[in-house]
N, C-alpha and C. Protein backbone atom coordinates (compact mmCIF):
# COMPACT_ATOMS: atom_id res chain seq x y z
N UNK A 1 31.79 118.18 107.61
CA UNK A 1 31.44 117.68 108.93
C UNK A 1 30.01 117.16 108.91
N UNK A 2 29.80 116.03 109.58
CA UNK A 2 28.44 115.49 109.67
C UNK A 2 27.69 116.18 110.81
N UNK A 3 26.43 115.81 110.99
CA UNK A 3 25.57 116.50 111.96
C UNK A 3 26.06 116.37 113.41
N UNK A 4 26.55 115.20 113.79
CA UNK A 4 27.04 115.01 115.16
C UNK A 4 28.28 115.86 115.40
N UNK A 5 29.17 115.88 114.42
CA UNK A 5 30.38 116.70 114.55
C UNK A 5 30.02 118.18 114.67
N UNK A 6 29.06 118.61 113.87
CA UNK A 6 28.63 120.01 113.92
C UNK A 6 28.02 120.35 115.27
N UNK A 7 27.19 119.45 115.79
CA UNK A 7 26.58 119.69 117.11
C UNK A 7 27.66 119.75 118.18
N UNK A 8 28.59 118.82 118.16
CA UNK A 8 29.67 118.83 119.13
C UNK A 8 30.46 120.14 119.07
N UNK A 9 30.72 120.58 117.86
CA UNK A 9 31.48 121.83 117.70
C UNK A 9 30.67 123.04 118.20
N UNK A 10 29.37 123.06 117.92
CA UNK A 10 28.52 124.16 118.41
C UNK A 10 28.47 124.18 119.93
N UNK A 11 28.32 123.02 120.55
CA UNK A 11 28.25 122.95 122.02
C UNK A 11 29.58 123.36 122.66
N UNK A 12 30.67 122.91 122.07
CA UNK A 12 31.99 123.27 122.58
C UNK A 12 32.24 124.77 122.42
N UNK A 13 31.85 125.31 121.29
CA UNK A 13 32.01 126.75 121.05
C UNK A 13 31.14 127.55 122.00
N UNK A 14 29.93 127.09 122.27
CA UNK A 14 29.05 127.79 123.21
C UNK A 14 29.65 127.80 124.61
N UNK A 15 30.16 126.65 125.06
CA UNK A 15 30.80 126.57 126.37
C UNK A 15 32.01 127.49 126.43
N UNK A 16 32.85 127.42 125.44
CA UNK A 16 34.06 128.26 125.41
C UNK A 16 33.71 129.74 125.33
N UNK A 17 32.63 130.07 124.64
CA UNK A 17 32.21 131.47 124.52
C UNK A 17 31.74 132.02 125.87
N UNK A 18 31.08 131.19 126.66
CA UNK A 18 30.68 131.64 128.00
C UNK A 18 31.94 131.97 128.81
N UNK A 19 32.94 131.11 128.74
CA UNK A 19 34.19 131.38 129.44
C UNK A 19 34.85 132.66 128.92
N UNK A 20 34.76 132.89 127.61
CA UNK A 20 35.34 134.11 127.03
C UNK A 20 34.60 135.35 127.52
N UNK A 21 33.27 135.28 127.60
CA UNK A 21 32.49 136.40 128.14
C UNK A 21 32.93 136.66 129.58
N UNK A 22 33.04 135.60 130.36
CA UNK A 22 33.43 135.74 131.77
C UNK A 22 34.83 136.33 131.89
N UNK A 23 35.74 135.90 131.03
CA UNK A 23 37.09 136.47 131.05
C UNK A 23 37.04 137.96 130.77
N UNK A 24 36.22 138.35 129.81
CA UNK A 24 36.04 139.78 129.54
C UNK A 24 35.41 140.51 130.71
N UNK A 25 34.50 139.86 131.40
CA UNK A 25 33.83 140.48 132.53
C UNK A 25 34.78 140.67 133.70
N UNK A 26 35.49 139.61 134.10
CA UNK A 26 36.27 139.69 135.34
C UNK A 26 37.71 140.11 135.15
N UNK A 27 38.28 139.85 133.98
CA UNK A 27 39.70 140.13 133.76
C UNK A 27 40.17 141.51 134.18
N UNK A 28 39.52 142.56 133.69
CA UNK A 28 39.96 143.91 134.07
C UNK A 28 39.80 144.19 135.56
N UNK A 29 38.78 143.58 136.17
CA UNK A 29 38.50 143.89 137.57
C UNK A 29 39.39 143.10 138.53
N UNK A 30 39.85 141.94 138.09
CA UNK A 30 40.87 141.24 138.88
C UNK A 30 42.13 142.10 138.90
N UNK A 31 42.48 142.67 137.76
CA UNK A 31 43.65 143.55 137.67
C UNK A 31 43.48 144.77 138.56
N UNK A 32 42.30 145.36 138.56
CA UNK A 32 42.03 146.53 139.41
C UNK A 32 42.15 146.15 140.89
N UNK A 33 41.57 145.03 141.26
CA UNK A 33 41.66 144.59 142.66
C UNK A 33 43.11 144.33 143.06
N UNK A 34 43.88 143.71 142.16
CA UNK A 34 45.29 143.45 142.47
C UNK A 34 46.07 144.76 142.56
N UNK A 35 45.79 145.69 141.66
CA UNK A 35 46.51 146.97 141.67
C UNK A 35 46.22 147.76 142.94
N UNK A 36 45.07 147.51 143.55
CA UNK A 36 44.75 148.22 144.80
C UNK A 36 45.71 147.83 145.92
N UNK A 37 46.39 146.72 145.77
CA UNK A 37 47.39 146.28 146.76
C UNK A 37 48.77 146.85 146.45
N UNK A 38 48.92 147.45 145.28
CA UNK A 38 50.20 148.02 144.85
C UNK A 38 50.63 147.40 143.52
N UNK A 39 51.37 148.16 142.73
CA UNK A 39 51.74 147.68 141.40
C UNK A 39 52.77 146.55 141.45
N UNK A 40 53.68 146.59 142.40
CA UNK A 40 54.64 145.49 142.53
C UNK A 40 53.90 144.21 142.92
N UNK A 41 53.00 144.34 143.87
CA UNK A 41 52.21 143.19 144.31
C UNK A 41 51.36 142.65 143.16
N UNK A 42 50.82 143.55 142.35
CA UNK A 42 50.05 143.12 141.19
C UNK A 42 50.93 142.33 140.23
N UNK A 43 52.13 142.83 139.97
CA UNK A 43 53.05 142.13 139.08
C UNK A 43 53.41 140.75 139.61
N UNK A 44 53.65 140.66 140.91
CA UNK A 44 53.95 139.36 141.52
C UNK A 44 52.75 138.43 141.41
N UNK A 45 51.56 138.94 141.68
CA UNK A 45 50.35 138.11 141.60
C UNK A 45 50.13 137.59 140.18
N UNK A 46 50.35 138.44 139.19
CA UNK A 46 50.18 138.01 137.80
C UNK A 46 51.25 136.98 137.42
N UNK A 47 52.47 137.17 137.91
CA UNK A 47 53.54 136.21 137.64
C UNK A 47 53.23 134.86 138.30
N UNK A 48 52.71 134.90 139.50
CA UNK A 48 52.31 133.66 140.18
C UNK A 48 51.28 132.92 139.34
N UNK A 49 50.31 133.64 138.82
CA UNK A 49 49.29 133.02 137.99
C UNK A 49 49.90 132.39 136.74
N UNK A 50 50.80 133.09 136.09
CA UNK A 50 51.39 132.58 134.84
C UNK A 50 52.28 131.36 135.10
N UNK A 51 53.04 131.39 136.17
CA UNK A 51 53.91 130.25 136.49
C UNK A 51 53.07 129.02 136.84
N UNK A 52 52.03 129.20 137.66
CA UNK A 52 51.19 128.05 138.00
C UNK A 52 50.46 127.53 136.77
N UNK A 53 50.11 128.42 135.86
CA UNK A 53 49.48 127.99 134.61
C UNK A 53 50.46 127.17 133.78
N UNK A 54 51.68 127.65 133.67
CA UNK A 54 52.69 126.93 132.89
C UNK A 54 52.95 125.55 133.48
N UNK A 55 53.03 125.46 134.80
CA UNK A 55 53.31 124.18 135.45
C UNK A 55 52.16 123.18 135.27
N UNK A 56 50.96 123.68 135.12
CA UNK A 56 49.79 122.82 135.02
C UNK A 56 49.55 122.31 133.61
N UNK A 57 49.98 123.04 132.60
CA UNK A 57 49.62 122.68 131.22
C UNK A 57 50.08 121.29 130.82
N UNK A 58 51.33 120.97 131.07
CA UNK A 58 51.83 119.66 130.66
C UNK A 58 51.08 118.54 131.36
N UNK A 59 50.95 118.65 132.66
CA UNK A 59 50.33 117.58 133.42
C UNK A 59 48.86 117.39 133.08
N UNK A 60 48.16 118.50 132.83
CA UNK A 60 46.73 118.36 132.51
C UNK A 60 46.54 117.68 131.17
N UNK A 61 47.37 117.98 130.20
CA UNK A 61 47.27 117.31 128.91
C UNK A 61 47.59 115.83 129.02
N UNK A 62 48.66 115.53 129.73
CA UNK A 62 49.09 114.15 129.93
C UNK A 62 48.00 113.33 130.63
N UNK A 63 47.45 113.90 131.69
CA UNK A 63 46.43 113.18 132.46
C UNK A 63 45.14 113.03 131.66
N UNK A 64 44.76 114.07 130.91
CA UNK A 64 43.49 113.98 130.17
C UNK A 64 43.56 112.96 129.05
N UNK A 65 44.76 112.63 128.58
CA UNK A 65 44.90 111.58 127.57
C UNK A 65 44.71 110.19 128.18
N UNK A 66 44.90 110.07 129.49
CA UNK A 66 44.94 108.76 130.12
C UNK A 66 43.77 108.43 131.04
N UNK A 67 43.17 109.41 131.65
CA UNK A 67 42.05 109.16 132.57
C UNK A 67 40.72 109.26 131.85
N UNK A 68 39.72 108.61 132.40
CA UNK A 68 38.35 108.64 131.87
C UNK A 68 38.29 108.22 130.41
N UNK A 69 39.17 107.33 130.01
CA UNK A 69 39.15 106.84 128.63
C UNK A 69 39.50 107.90 127.61
N UNK A 70 40.21 108.92 128.02
CA UNK A 70 40.61 109.99 127.10
C UNK A 70 39.55 111.04 126.87
N UNK A 71 38.44 110.98 127.62
CA UNK A 71 37.42 112.02 127.45
C UNK A 71 37.89 113.31 128.12
N UNK A 72 37.49 114.41 127.61
CA UNK A 72 37.97 115.72 128.10
C UNK A 72 36.93 116.43 128.96
N UNK A 73 35.65 116.12 128.77
CA UNK A 73 34.59 116.85 129.47
C UNK A 73 34.74 116.87 130.98
N UNK A 74 35.07 115.75 131.63
CA UNK A 74 35.17 115.81 133.10
C UNK A 74 36.19 116.84 133.58
N UNK A 75 37.28 116.99 132.84
CA UNK A 75 38.31 117.96 133.22
C UNK A 75 37.82 119.39 133.04
N UNK A 76 37.12 119.63 131.95
CA UNK A 76 36.59 120.99 131.71
C UNK A 76 35.52 121.35 132.73
N UNK A 77 34.68 120.40 133.06
CA UNK A 77 33.63 120.67 134.05
C UNK A 77 34.25 120.91 135.42
N UNK A 78 35.19 120.06 135.81
CA UNK A 78 35.86 120.24 137.12
C UNK A 78 36.60 121.57 137.19
N UNK A 79 37.30 121.93 136.12
CA UNK A 79 38.02 123.21 136.10
C UNK A 79 37.04 124.37 136.17
N UNK A 80 35.88 124.24 135.51
CA UNK A 80 34.86 125.28 135.57
C UNK A 80 34.32 125.46 136.98
N UNK A 81 34.07 124.35 137.66
CA UNK A 81 33.58 124.42 139.04
C UNK A 81 34.62 125.10 139.92
N UNK A 82 35.88 124.71 139.77
CA UNK A 82 36.94 125.32 140.56
C UNK A 82 37.07 126.81 140.27
N UNK A 83 36.96 127.18 139.00
CA UNK A 83 37.04 128.60 138.66
C UNK A 83 35.87 129.37 139.27
N UNK A 84 34.69 128.80 139.25
CA UNK A 84 33.53 129.45 139.85
C UNK A 84 33.75 129.69 141.34
N UNK A 85 34.30 128.69 142.02
CA UNK A 85 34.58 128.83 143.45
C UNK A 85 35.60 129.95 143.69
N UNK A 86 36.62 129.99 142.87
CA UNK A 86 37.64 131.04 143.00
C UNK A 86 37.00 132.41 142.85
N UNK A 87 36.13 132.57 141.86
CA UNK A 87 35.49 133.86 141.63
C UNK A 87 34.65 134.31 142.82
N UNK A 88 34.03 133.36 143.50
CA UNK A 88 33.24 133.72 144.68
C UNK A 88 34.13 134.31 145.77
N UNK A 89 35.38 133.86 145.84
CA UNK A 89 36.29 134.33 146.88
C UNK A 89 36.95 135.68 146.57
N UNK A 90 37.07 136.06 145.31
CA UNK A 90 37.78 137.31 144.98
C UNK A 90 37.26 138.55 145.71
N UNK A 91 35.96 138.79 145.76
CA UNK A 91 35.50 140.01 146.44
C UNK A 91 35.78 140.01 147.95
N UNK A 92 36.06 138.84 148.50
CA UNK A 92 36.27 138.72 149.94
C UNK A 92 37.76 138.70 150.31
N UNK A 93 38.62 138.68 149.32
CA UNK A 93 40.06 138.68 149.58
C UNK A 93 40.45 140.05 150.13
N UNK A 94 41.17 140.04 151.22
CA UNK A 94 41.53 141.32 151.85
C UNK A 94 43.03 141.54 151.94
N UNK A 95 43.82 140.48 151.86
CA UNK A 95 45.26 140.65 151.99
C UNK A 95 45.95 140.26 150.69
N UNK A 96 47.18 140.68 150.57
CA UNK A 96 47.97 140.34 149.39
C UNK A 96 48.15 138.82 149.30
N UNK A 97 48.32 138.15 150.42
CA UNK A 97 48.47 136.70 150.43
C UNK A 97 47.21 136.03 149.89
N UNK A 98 46.04 136.55 150.24
CA UNK A 98 44.79 136.01 149.68
C UNK A 98 44.81 136.09 148.15
N UNK A 99 45.19 137.27 147.64
CA UNK A 99 45.23 137.44 146.18
C UNK A 99 46.26 136.53 145.54
N UNK A 100 47.41 136.36 146.17
CA UNK A 100 48.45 135.47 145.64
C UNK A 100 47.90 134.04 145.56
N UNK A 101 47.22 133.60 146.60
CA UNK A 101 46.67 132.24 146.61
C UNK A 101 45.60 132.08 145.52
N UNK A 102 44.71 133.07 145.40
CA UNK A 102 43.69 133.00 144.36
C UNK A 102 44.31 133.00 142.97
N UNK A 103 45.32 133.81 142.77
CA UNK A 103 45.99 133.87 141.47
C UNK A 103 46.69 132.54 141.15
N UNK A 104 47.27 131.92 142.18
CA UNK A 104 47.93 130.63 141.98
C UNK A 104 46.91 129.59 141.49
N UNK A 105 45.78 129.50 142.17
CA UNK A 105 44.76 128.51 141.79
C UNK A 105 44.13 128.89 140.45
N UNK A 106 43.91 130.16 140.22
CA UNK A 106 43.35 130.60 138.94
C UNK A 106 44.31 130.24 137.80
N UNK A 107 45.61 130.37 138.03
CA UNK A 107 46.59 129.97 137.02
C UNK A 107 46.53 128.48 136.74
N UNK A 108 46.38 127.69 137.79
CA UNK A 108 46.25 126.24 137.60
C UNK A 108 45.02 125.92 136.74
N UNK A 109 43.92 126.55 137.06
CA UNK A 109 42.69 126.34 136.28
C UNK A 109 42.90 126.79 134.84
N UNK A 110 43.57 127.92 134.65
CA UNK A 110 43.85 128.40 133.31
C UNK A 110 44.69 127.41 132.51
N UNK A 111 45.67 126.81 133.17
CA UNK A 111 46.50 125.81 132.49
C UNK A 111 45.69 124.59 132.07
N UNK A 112 44.81 124.17 132.95
CA UNK A 112 43.95 123.02 132.63
C UNK A 112 43.03 123.37 131.47
N UNK A 113 42.35 124.51 131.58
CA UNK A 113 41.38 124.90 130.55
C UNK A 113 42.04 125.09 129.19
N UNK A 114 43.16 125.79 129.17
CA UNK A 114 43.84 126.06 127.90
C UNK A 114 44.25 124.76 127.22
N UNK A 115 44.89 123.89 127.96
CA UNK A 115 45.39 122.64 127.39
C UNK A 115 44.26 121.72 126.96
N UNK A 116 43.28 121.55 127.83
CA UNK A 116 42.20 120.61 127.52
C UNK A 116 41.33 121.14 126.37
N UNK A 117 41.13 122.44 126.31
CA UNK A 117 40.34 123.01 125.20
C UNK A 117 41.03 122.76 123.86
N UNK A 118 42.34 122.96 123.80
CA UNK A 118 43.06 122.72 122.55
C UNK A 118 42.99 121.24 122.18
N UNK A 119 43.16 120.36 123.17
CA UNK A 119 43.07 118.93 122.90
C UNK A 119 41.68 118.54 122.41
N UNK A 120 40.65 119.07 123.05
CA UNK A 120 39.29 118.75 122.63
C UNK A 120 38.99 119.33 121.26
N UNK A 121 39.46 120.53 121.00
CA UNK A 121 39.27 121.11 119.67
C UNK A 121 39.92 120.24 118.61
N UNK A 122 41.09 119.72 118.90
CA UNK A 122 41.76 118.81 117.98
C UNK A 122 40.95 117.52 117.81
N UNK A 123 40.39 117.01 118.90
CA UNK A 123 39.54 115.82 118.81
C UNK A 123 38.30 116.07 117.95
N UNK A 124 37.76 117.26 118.06
CA UNK A 124 36.53 117.59 117.34
C UNK A 124 36.75 117.80 115.85
N UNK A 125 37.97 118.10 115.46
CA UNK A 125 38.25 118.47 114.07
C UNK A 125 39.24 117.52 113.41
N UNK A 126 38.87 116.25 113.27
CA UNK A 126 39.83 115.30 112.69
C UNK A 126 40.00 115.45 111.18
N UNK A 127 39.09 116.15 110.53
CA UNK A 127 39.16 116.29 109.07
C UNK A 127 40.00 117.51 108.72
N UNK A 128 41.16 117.27 108.14
CA UNK A 128 42.13 118.32 107.90
C UNK A 128 41.63 119.41 106.97
N UNK A 129 40.89 119.08 105.94
CA UNK A 129 40.52 120.08 104.94
C UNK A 129 39.61 121.19 105.49
N UNK A 130 38.89 120.94 106.59
CA UNK A 130 38.00 121.98 107.13
C UNK A 130 38.49 122.51 108.48
N UNK A 131 39.63 122.05 108.93
CA UNK A 131 40.12 122.39 110.28
C UNK A 131 40.40 123.90 110.42
N UNK A 132 41.09 124.47 109.47
CA UNK A 132 41.44 125.90 109.56
C UNK A 132 40.22 126.79 109.65
N UNK A 133 39.24 126.53 108.82
CA UNK A 133 38.01 127.33 108.84
C UNK A 133 37.28 127.16 110.16
N UNK A 134 37.21 125.93 110.66
CA UNK A 134 36.51 125.68 111.92
C UNK A 134 37.22 126.37 113.09
N UNK A 135 38.55 126.32 113.12
CA UNK A 135 39.30 126.99 114.18
C UNK A 135 39.11 128.50 114.08
N UNK A 136 39.11 129.03 112.87
CA UNK A 136 38.87 130.46 112.68
C UNK A 136 37.50 130.88 113.17
N UNK A 137 36.49 130.07 112.87
CA UNK A 137 35.13 130.36 113.33
C UNK A 137 35.05 130.31 114.85
N UNK A 138 35.67 129.29 115.43
CA UNK A 138 35.72 129.13 116.90
C UNK A 138 36.36 130.37 117.53
N UNK A 139 37.51 130.77 117.03
CA UNK A 139 38.20 131.95 117.59
C UNK A 139 37.43 133.24 117.37
N UNK A 140 36.71 133.34 116.26
CA UNK A 140 35.87 134.51 116.02
C UNK A 140 34.84 134.66 117.13
N UNK A 141 34.15 133.57 117.45
CA UNK A 141 33.13 133.63 118.50
C UNK A 141 33.74 133.95 119.86
N UNK A 142 34.88 133.38 120.16
CA UNK A 142 35.53 133.65 121.45
C UNK A 142 35.96 135.10 121.57
N UNK A 143 36.49 135.66 120.51
CA UNK A 143 36.93 137.06 120.54
C UNK A 143 35.73 137.99 120.70
N UNK A 144 34.67 137.73 119.97
CA UNK A 144 33.46 138.56 120.11
C UNK A 144 32.87 138.41 121.51
N UNK A 145 32.89 137.20 122.04
CA UNK A 145 32.35 136.97 123.39
C UNK A 145 33.16 137.74 124.43
N UNK A 146 34.47 137.79 124.28
CA UNK A 146 35.31 138.56 125.21
C UNK A 146 34.96 140.04 125.15
N UNK A 147 34.73 140.54 123.95
CA UNK A 147 34.36 141.95 123.79
C UNK A 147 33.03 142.24 124.48
N UNK A 148 32.08 141.34 124.33
CA UNK A 148 30.79 141.50 125.02
C UNK A 148 31.01 141.52 126.52
N UNK A 149 31.85 140.62 127.01
CA UNK A 149 32.14 140.55 128.43
C UNK A 149 32.73 141.83 128.98
N UNK A 150 33.59 142.49 128.22
CA UNK A 150 34.17 143.76 128.67
C UNK A 150 33.10 144.81 128.91
N UNK A 151 32.13 144.86 128.01
CA UNK A 151 31.04 145.84 128.16
C UNK A 151 30.13 145.45 129.32
N UNK A 152 29.75 144.19 129.36
CA UNK A 152 28.87 143.72 130.42
C UNK A 152 29.52 143.93 131.79
N UNK A 153 30.80 143.60 131.90
CA UNK A 153 31.51 143.78 133.17
C UNK A 153 31.48 145.20 133.66
N UNK A 154 31.69 146.15 132.76
CA UNK A 154 31.69 147.55 133.18
C UNK A 154 30.30 147.99 133.65
N UNK A 155 29.27 147.49 133.02
CA UNK A 155 27.90 147.84 133.43
C UNK A 155 27.58 147.21 134.78
N UNK A 156 27.94 145.95 134.97
CA UNK A 156 27.65 145.27 136.23
C UNK A 156 28.38 145.96 137.38
N UNK A 157 29.65 146.29 137.19
CA UNK A 157 30.40 146.96 138.26
C UNK A 157 29.81 148.33 138.58
N UNK A 158 29.44 149.06 137.55
CA UNK A 158 28.91 150.41 137.77
C UNK A 158 27.61 150.38 138.58
N UNK A 159 26.72 149.45 138.24
CA UNK A 159 25.40 149.46 138.87
C UNK A 159 25.24 148.49 140.05
N UNK A 160 26.08 147.44 140.10
CA UNK A 160 25.87 146.42 141.14
C UNK A 160 27.11 146.12 141.99
N UNK A 161 28.28 146.52 141.53
CA UNK A 161 29.50 146.33 142.33
C UNK A 161 30.26 145.06 141.99
N UNK A 162 31.44 144.96 142.61
CA UNK A 162 32.36 143.85 142.34
C UNK A 162 31.78 142.50 142.74
N UNK A 163 31.15 142.43 143.87
CA UNK A 163 30.65 141.15 144.37
C UNK A 163 29.68 140.53 143.37
N UNK A 164 28.77 141.30 142.84
CA UNK A 164 27.81 140.80 141.86
C UNK A 164 28.53 140.38 140.57
N UNK A 165 29.56 141.10 140.20
CA UNK A 165 30.33 140.78 139.00
C UNK A 165 30.90 139.36 139.10
N UNK A 166 31.53 139.06 140.21
CA UNK A 166 32.15 137.76 140.39
C UNK A 166 31.11 136.66 140.60
N UNK A 167 30.04 136.96 141.31
CA UNK A 167 28.98 135.97 141.54
C UNK A 167 28.29 135.60 140.23
N UNK A 168 27.96 136.59 139.44
CA UNK A 168 27.33 136.36 138.14
C UNK A 168 28.24 135.53 137.24
N UNK A 169 29.51 135.84 137.26
CA UNK A 169 30.47 135.10 136.45
C UNK A 169 30.56 133.65 136.89
N UNK A 170 30.56 133.43 138.20
CA UNK A 170 30.62 132.06 138.73
C UNK A 170 29.41 131.26 138.29
N UNK A 171 28.24 131.85 138.37
CA UNK A 171 27.01 131.17 137.96
C UNK A 171 27.04 130.87 136.46
N UNK A 172 27.49 131.82 135.66
CA UNK A 172 27.55 131.61 134.20
C UNK A 172 28.48 130.44 133.85
N UNK A 173 29.61 130.36 134.54
CA UNK A 173 30.54 129.26 134.28
C UNK A 173 29.91 127.92 134.64
N UNK A 174 29.24 127.87 135.78
CA UNK A 174 28.60 126.62 136.18
C UNK A 174 27.53 126.20 135.16
N UNK A 175 26.75 127.16 134.71
CA UNK A 175 25.69 126.85 133.74
C UNK A 175 26.25 126.44 132.38
N UNK A 176 27.45 126.90 132.06
CA UNK A 176 28.04 126.58 130.75
C UNK A 176 28.36 125.09 130.62
N UNK A 177 28.44 124.39 131.74
CA UNK A 177 28.67 122.94 131.69
C UNK A 177 27.55 122.22 130.94
N UNK A 178 26.37 122.82 130.93
CA UNK A 178 25.24 122.25 130.20
C UNK A 178 25.61 121.99 128.74
N UNK A 179 26.35 122.91 128.13
CA UNK A 179 26.74 122.74 126.73
C UNK A 179 27.67 121.53 126.57
N UNK A 180 28.59 121.36 127.50
CA UNK A 180 29.50 120.21 127.42
C UNK A 180 28.74 118.89 127.55
N UNK A 181 27.75 118.89 128.41
CA UNK A 181 26.98 117.66 128.62
C UNK A 181 26.19 117.25 127.38
N UNK A 182 25.97 118.18 126.47
CA UNK A 182 25.26 117.89 125.22
C UNK A 182 26.16 117.28 124.15
N UNK A 183 27.47 117.27 124.40
CA UNK A 183 28.42 116.73 123.42
C UNK A 183 28.48 115.21 123.51
N UNK A 184 28.72 114.57 122.38
CA UNK A 184 28.85 113.12 122.32
C UNK A 184 30.33 112.78 122.13
N UNK A 185 31.04 112.65 123.26
CA UNK A 185 32.47 112.33 123.17
C UNK A 185 32.71 110.90 122.72
N UNK A 186 31.76 110.00 122.90
CA UNK A 186 31.92 108.64 122.39
C UNK A 186 32.03 108.66 120.87
N UNK A 187 31.25 109.56 120.25
CA UNK A 187 31.32 109.69 118.80
C UNK A 187 32.70 110.18 118.38
N UNK A 188 33.26 111.11 119.13
CA UNK A 188 34.59 111.64 118.81
C UNK A 188 35.61 110.51 118.82
N UNK A 189 35.56 109.68 119.86
CA UNK A 189 36.55 108.59 119.99
C UNK A 189 36.40 107.57 118.86
N UNK A 190 35.18 107.34 118.35
CA UNK A 190 34.99 106.40 117.28
C UNK A 190 35.55 106.93 115.96
N UNK A 191 35.47 108.23 115.76
CA UNK A 191 35.88 108.83 114.50
C UNK A 191 37.38 109.00 114.39
N UNK A 192 38.06 109.18 115.51
CA UNK A 192 39.49 109.49 115.48
C UNK A 192 40.30 108.22 115.32
């Protein structure tokens, strides 16, 4: 990989790692909040999230190939903003319907992020001989970041409460867009 490709990969990995930390931070506590409404309701809420995620994956990939000249960053930034907004609402949700609605939108965002990240990772790694190692390195950082998030989340909840947990996560996601803005997607399109 040349220097521009390496920089693009570092910036993408940094952005994805922030999301992985946030997933580790909020994931267990979303489950706890949902379980407080009852285990059946939690199961329904999780199913709603998974179905909305599944429905979104195809369309987000299709659209990201066609809009904005095939660039992926606008979709990742928009999904990050939407996820941050959702996180701000979680501590204020009081009814099961609120949680169902939040889970539905969170699933949509998850479908967008999952699909667009894989597409962008594929765009970033056009050289077959180094692709496996690069994907392994990328996944290593994401897994470690999730583990860090689990620890950080437990500390934040213990000392500052749920509201701070979700607010901090929302801010971190918004700030992670900085890494995407440092990527040169025009270079990616020229190389592929």
